C-alpha atoms as a PDB file:
ATOM      1  CA  MET A   1      65.432  64.882 120.593  1.00  0.00           C
ATOM      2  CA  ASN A   2      67.577  67.830 119.329  1.00  0.00           C
ATOM      3  CA  ASN A   3      66.680  69.079 115.888  1.00  0.00           C
ATOM      4  CA  PRO A   4      70.168  69.920 114.060  1.00  0.00           C
ATOM      5  CA  LYS A   5      68.722  72.764 112.238  1.00  0.00           C
ATOM      6  CA  LEU A   6      67.295  74.320 115.427  1.00  0.00           C
ATOM      7  CA  LEU A   7      70.769  73.980 116.946  1.00  0.00           C
ATOM      8  CA  SER A   8      72.595  75.362 114.044  1.00  0.00           C
ATOM      9  CA  LEU A   9      69.923  78.403 114.254  1.00  0.00           C
ATOM     10  CA  ASN A  10      70.673  78.921 117.836  1.00  0.00           C
ATOM     11  CA  SER A  11      74.359  78.992 117.388  1.00  0.00           C
ATOM     12  CA  THR A  12      74.077  81.430 114.559  1.00  0.00           C
ATOM     13  CA  THR A  13      71.901  83.632 116.668  1.00  0.00           C
ATOM     14  CA  SER A  14      74.298  83.682 119.560  1.00  0.00           C
ATOM     15  CA  LEU A  15      77.096  84.303 117.281  1.00  0.00           C
ATOM     16  CA  ILE A  16      75.303  87.220 115.804  1.00  0.00           C
ATOM     17  CA  SER A  17      74.321  88.574 119.226  1.00  0.00           C
ATOM     18  CA  ARG A  18      78.025  88.215 120.455  1.00  0.00           C
ATOM     19  CA  PHE A  19      79.462  89.958 117.462  1.00  0.00           C
ATOM     20  CA  THR A  20      76.939  92.803 117.586  1.00  0.00           C
ATOM     21  CA  ARG A  21      77.536  93.338 121.211  1.00  0.00           C
ATOM     22  CA  GLY A  22      81.180  93.577 120.710  1.00  0.00           C
ATOM     23  CA  PHE A  23      81.048  95.616 117.591  1.00  0.00           C
ATOM     24  CA  ILE A  24      78.786  98.151 119.002  1.00  0.00           C
ATOM     25  CA  GLN A  25      80.929  98.493 122.127  1.00  0.00           C
ATOM     26  CA  ALA A  26      84.010  98.939 119.687  1.00  0.00           C
ATOM     27  CA  LEU A  27      82.279 101.587 117.696  1.00  0.00           C
ATOM     28  CA  ILE A  28      81.343 103.544 120.744  1.00  0.00           C
ATOM     29  CA  ARG A  29      85.114 103.550 121.996  1.00  0.00           C
ATOM     30  CA  ILE A  30      86.227 104.618 118.328  1.00  0.00           C
ATOM     31  CA  ASN A  31      83.819 107.492 118.505  1.00  0.00           C
ATOM     32  CA  LYS A  32      84.933 108.524 121.869  1.00  0.00           C
ATOM     33  CA  GLN A  33      88.648 108.313 120.946  1.00  0.00           C
ATOM     34  CA  ARG A  34      88.261 110.710 118.078  1.00  0.00           C
ATOM     35  CA  PRO A  35      85.305 112.474 117.067  1.00  0.00           C
ATOM     36  CA  VAL A  36      85.116 113.209 113.188  1.00  0.00           C
ATOM     37  CA  THR A  37      86.664 116.572 112.832  1.00  0.00           C
ATOM     38  CA  SER A  38      87.279 116.530 109.082  1.00  0.00           C
ATOM     39  CA  SER A  39      86.430 114.557 105.948  1.00  0.00           C
ATOM     40  CA  SER A  40      90.031 114.502 104.668  1.00  0.00           C
ATOM     41  CA  PRO A  41      91.026 111.198 102.850  1.00  0.00           C
ATOM     42  CA  ARG A  42      93.551 110.606 105.454  1.00  0.00           C
ATOM     43  CA  GLU A  43      90.940 110.720 108.330  1.00  0.00           C
ATOM     44  CA  MET A  44      88.663 108.686 106.403  1.00  0.00           C
ATOM     45  CA  TYR A  45      91.017 106.002 105.748  1.00  0.00           C
ATOM     46  CA  ILE A  46      92.185 105.906 109.446  1.00  0.00           C
ATOM     47  CA  ARG A  47      88.404 105.591 110.488  1.00  0.00           C
ATOM     48  CA  HIS A  48      87.755 102.882 107.962  1.00  0.00           C
ATOM     49  CA  ARG A  49      90.716 100.761 109.166  1.00  0.00           C
ATOM     50  CA  ARG A  50      89.552 101.234 112.829  1.00  0.00           C
ATOM     51  CA  ILE A  51      86.116 100.084 111.991  1.00  0.00           C
ATOM     52  CA  LYS A  52      87.320  97.256 110.008  1.00  0.00           C
ATOM     53  CA  SER A  53      89.742  96.112 112.672  1.00  0.00           C
ATOM     54  CA  ALA A  54      86.910  96.453 115.120  1.00  0.00           C
ATOM     55  CA  ALA A  55      84.652  94.241 113.103  1.00  0.00           C
ATOM     56  CA  ASP A  56      87.310  91.618 112.581  1.00  0.00           C
ATOM     57  CA  LYS A  57      88.323  91.621 116.334  1.00  0.00           C
ATOM     58  CA  SER A  58      84.641  91.355 117.427  1.00  0.00           C
ATOM     59  CA  MET A  59      83.931  88.664 115.207  1.00  0.00           C
ATOM     60  CA  ALA A  60      87.079  86.562 116.284  1.00  0.00           C
ATOM     61  CA  LEU A  61      85.935  87.324 119.905  1.00  0.00           C
ATOM     62  CA  ALA A  62      82.329  86.149 119.155  1.00  0.00           C
ATOM     63  CA  VAL A  63      83.760  82.844 117.787  1.00  0.00           C
ATOM     64  CA  ARG A  64      86.278  82.575 120.677  1.00  0.00           C
ATOM     65  CA  SER A  65      89.174  80.316 120.076  1.00  0.00           C
ATOM     66  CA  ARG A  66      87.301  77.472 118.829  1.00  0.00           C
ATOM     67  CA  ARG A  67      88.514  77.897 115.245  1.00  0.00           C
ATOM     68  CA  ASN A  68      91.901  78.181 113.845  1.00  0.00           C
ATOM     69  CA  TRP A  69      90.974  81.452 111.895  1.00  0.00           C
ATOM     70  CA  SER A  70      89.699  83.190 114.938  1.00  0.00           C
ATOM     71  CA  ARG A  71      92.927  82.301 117.006  1.00  0.00           C
ATOM     72  CA  ALA A  72      94.931  83.484 114.085  1.00  0.00           C
ATOM     73  CA  VAL A  73      93.106  86.888 113.759  1.00  0.00           C
ATOM     74  CA  LEU A  74      93.405  87.417 117.729  1.00  0.00           C
ATOM     75  CA  ALA A  75      97.105  86.539 117.585  1.00  0.00           C
ATOM     76  CA  ARG A  76      97.465  89.243 114.788  1.00  0.00           C
ATOM     77  CA  PHE A  77      95.979  91.865 117.011  1.00  0.00           C
ATOM     78  CA  ARG A  78      98.130  90.741 120.045  1.00  0.00           C
ATOM     79  CA  LYS A  79     101.223  91.193 117.872  1.00  0.00           C
ATOM     80  CA  LYS A  80     100.016  94.577 116.487  1.00  0.00           C
ATOM     81  CA  ARG A  81      99.542  95.833 119.989  1.00  0.00           C
ATOM     82  CA  ARG A  82     103.102  94.781 120.797  1.00  0.00           C
ATOM     83  CA  ARG A  83     104.613  96.511 117.833  1.00  0.00           C
ATOM     84  CA  HIS A  84     105.033 100.251 117.443  1.00  0.00           C
ATOM     85  CA  VAL A  85     103.622 101.712 114.331  1.00  0.00           C
ATOM     86  CA  LEU A  86     106.658 104.001 113.689  1.00  0.00           C
ATOM     87  CA  VAL A  87     108.938 100.817 113.751  1.00  0.00           C
ATOM     88  CA  ARG A  88     106.783  99.299 111.048  1.00  0.00           C
ATOM     89  CA  ARG A  89     106.698 102.376 108.880  1.00  0.00           C
ATOM     90  CA  ILE A  90     110.485 102.883 108.901  1.00  0.00           C
ATOM     91  CA  THR A  91     111.033  99.220 107.987  1.00  0.00           C
ATOM     92  CA  THR A  92     108.600  99.465 105.213  1.00  0.00           C
ATOM     93  CA  CYS A  93     110.284 102.598 103.943  1.00  0.00           C
ATOM     94  CA  ALA A  94     113.557 100.998 104.098  1.00  0.00           C
ATOM     95  CA  MET A  95     112.438  98.050 102.215  1.00  0.00           C
ATOM     96  CA  LYS A  96     111.060 100.130  99.464  1.00  0.00           C
ATOM     97  CA  LYS A  97     113.961 101.852  99.005  1.00  0.00           C
ATOM     98  CA  ARG A  98     115.945  98.607  98.387  1.00  0.00           C
ATOM     99  CA  GLY A  99     113.178  97.279  96.246  1.00  0.00           C
ATOM    100  CA  LEU A 100     112.333  94.296  98.515  1.00  0.00           C
ATOM    101  CA  GLU A 101     108.753  94.995  99.340  1.00  0.00           C
ATOM    102  CA  ASN A 102     107.179  92.169  97.061  1.00  0.00           C
ATOM    103  CA  LYS A 103     109.892  89.567  97.932  1.00  0.00           C
ATOM    104  CA  LYS A 104     109.435  86.880 100.374  1.00  0.00           C
ATOM    105  CA  SER A 105     112.046  85.693 102.584  1.00  0.00           C
ATOM    106  CA  GLY A 106     112.783  82.004 102.122  1.00  0.00           C
ATOM    107  CA  HIS A 107     109.248  80.999 101.723  1.00  0.00           C
ATOM    108  CA  LYS A 108     108.695  78.554  98.650  1.00  0.00           C
ATOM    109  CA  GLU A 109     105.164  78.620  96.983  1.00  0.00           C
ATOM    110  CA  ALA A 110     103.663  75.319  96.594  1.00  0.00           C
ATOM    111  CA  SER A 111     101.918  74.471  93.252  1.00  0.00           C
ATOM    112  CA  HIS A 112      98.502  73.719  94.620  1.00  0.00           C
ATOM    113  CA  GLY A 113      96.934  76.834  93.121  1.00  0.00           C
ATOM    114  CA  GLN A 114      93.595  77.156  94.596  1.00  0.00           C
ATOM    115  CA  ALA A 115      94.325  75.635  98.054  1.00  0.00           C
ATOM    116  CA  ASN A 116      97.170  78.058  98.336  1.00  0.00           C
ATOM    117  CA  GLU A 117      94.876  80.954  97.475  1.00  0.00           C
ATOM    118  CA  LEU A 118      92.495  79.722 100.366  1.00  0.00           C
ATOM    119  CA  ARG A 119      95.494  79.550 102.526  1.00  0.00           C
ATOM    120  CA  ARG A 120      96.284  83.290 101.892  1.00  0.00           C
ATOM    121  CA  LEU A 121      92.927  84.368 102.502  1.00  0.00           C
ATOM    122  CA  VAL A 122      91.697  82.383 105.611  1.00  0.00           C
ATOM    123  CA  PRO A 123      93.478  83.709 108.578  1.00  0.00           C
ATOM    124  CA  GLY A 124      95.826  80.823 109.994  1.00  0.00           C
ATOM    125  CA  GLY A 125      95.329  78.741 106.835  1.00  0.00           C
ATOM    126  CA  GLU A 126      99.008  78.519 106.077  1.00  0.00           C
ATOM    127  CA  ALA A 127      99.414  75.544 108.490  1.00  0.00           C
ATOM    128  CA  MET A 128      96.320  73.512 107.717  1.00  0.00           C
ATOM    129  CA  ASP A 129      95.685  70.545 105.642  1.00  0.00           C
ATOM    130  CA  LEU A 130      93.123  70.509 102.894  1.00  0.00           C
ATOM    131  CA  CYS A 131      90.199  69.107 104.955  1.00  0.00           C
ATOM    132  CA  SER A 132      90.709  71.488 107.818  1.00  0.00           C
ATOM    133  CA  LEU A 133      91.244  74.513 105.363  1.00  0.00           C
ATOM    134  CA  LEU A 134      88.001  73.673 103.609  1.00  0.00           C
ATOM    135  CA  GLU A 135      86.163  73.390 107.051  1.00  0.00           C
ATOM    136  CA  GLU A 136      87.649  76.579 108.309  1.00  0.00           C
ATOM    137  CA  THR A 137      87.009  78.389 105.012  1.00  0.00           C
ATOM    138  CA  ALA A 138      83.364  77.459 105.296  1.00  0.00           C
ATOM    139  CA  HIS A 139      82.953  78.849 108.914  1.00  0.00           C
ATOM    140  CA  TYR A 140      85.007  81.890 107.995  1.00  0.00           C
ATOM    141  CA  LEU A 141      82.696  82.795 105.097  1.00  0.00           C
ATOM    142  CA  LYS A 142      79.555  82.123 107.351  1.00  0.00           C
ATOM    143  CA  CYS A 143      81.177  84.627 109.845  1.00  0.00           C
ATOM    144  CA  LEU A 144      82.003  87.022 107.155  1.00  0.00           C
ATOM    145  CA  ASN A 145      78.405  87.077 106.064  1.00  0.00           C
ATOM    146  CA  THR A 146      77.219  87.606 109.488  1.00  0.00           C
ATOM    147  CA  GLN A 147      79.580  90.543 109.864  1.00  0.00           C
ATOM    148  CA  VAL A 148      78.114  92.077 106.685  1.00  0.00           C
ATOM    149  CA  GLN A 149      74.500  91.633 107.827  1.00  0.00           C
ATOM    150  CA  VAL A 150      75.204  93.367 111.215  1.00  0.00           C
ATOM    151  CA  MET A 151      77.046  96.040 109.720  1.00  0.00           C
ATOM    152  CA  ARG A 152      74.339  96.635 107.112  1.00  0.00           C
ATOM    153  CA  CYS A 153      71.820  96.871 110.069  1.00  0.00           C
ATOM    154  CA  VAL A 154      74.103  99.323 111.961  1.00  0.00           C
ATOM    155  CA  ALA A 155      74.606 101.432 108.793  1.00  0.00           C
ATOM    156  CA  ASP A 156      70.842 101.467 108.138  1.00  0.00           C
ATOM    157  CA  SER A 157      70.010 102.472 111.737  1.00  0.00           C
ATOM    158  CA  TYR A 158      72.490 105.254 111.571  1.00  0.00           C
ATOM    159  CA  SER A 159      71.123 106.422 108.121  1.00  0.00           C
ATOM    160  CA  THR A 160      67.733 106.980 109.462  1.00  0.00           C
ATOM    161  CA  ILE A 161      68.915 109.298 112.275  1.00  0.00           C
END
């Protein structure tokens, strides 16, 4: 007979190991791309964004496409890969000049307060019903917690070197 707690522990352990493996590989790629040459705020910000993206992508890949939020995160990375950064910057600058940066085009906000907050926070949450949203939120928080634990271990191991 299978023990539900043991099954949950095994799935958490395999999630941690898949995430850790992918995240460490991504960190190695980041280090190979551009070694730290300066500690300017711009360089630190770029490095921060790359590490955060690597953590998010590694977690979504570890979960695979079993969850809506992981599919949404992976889709976001695919879209970013297709877009050119320069085009996005030009568009943003043009919108700021026109004063449109905070306006949403044709999107009406529902009045369901907290559920809408969750929909904005959980990747892919915009298209979910409340029950699915709560389930996805619980899983997403579990994965974020795992991310934090692994990143702390990595930071601790590098700080002792």
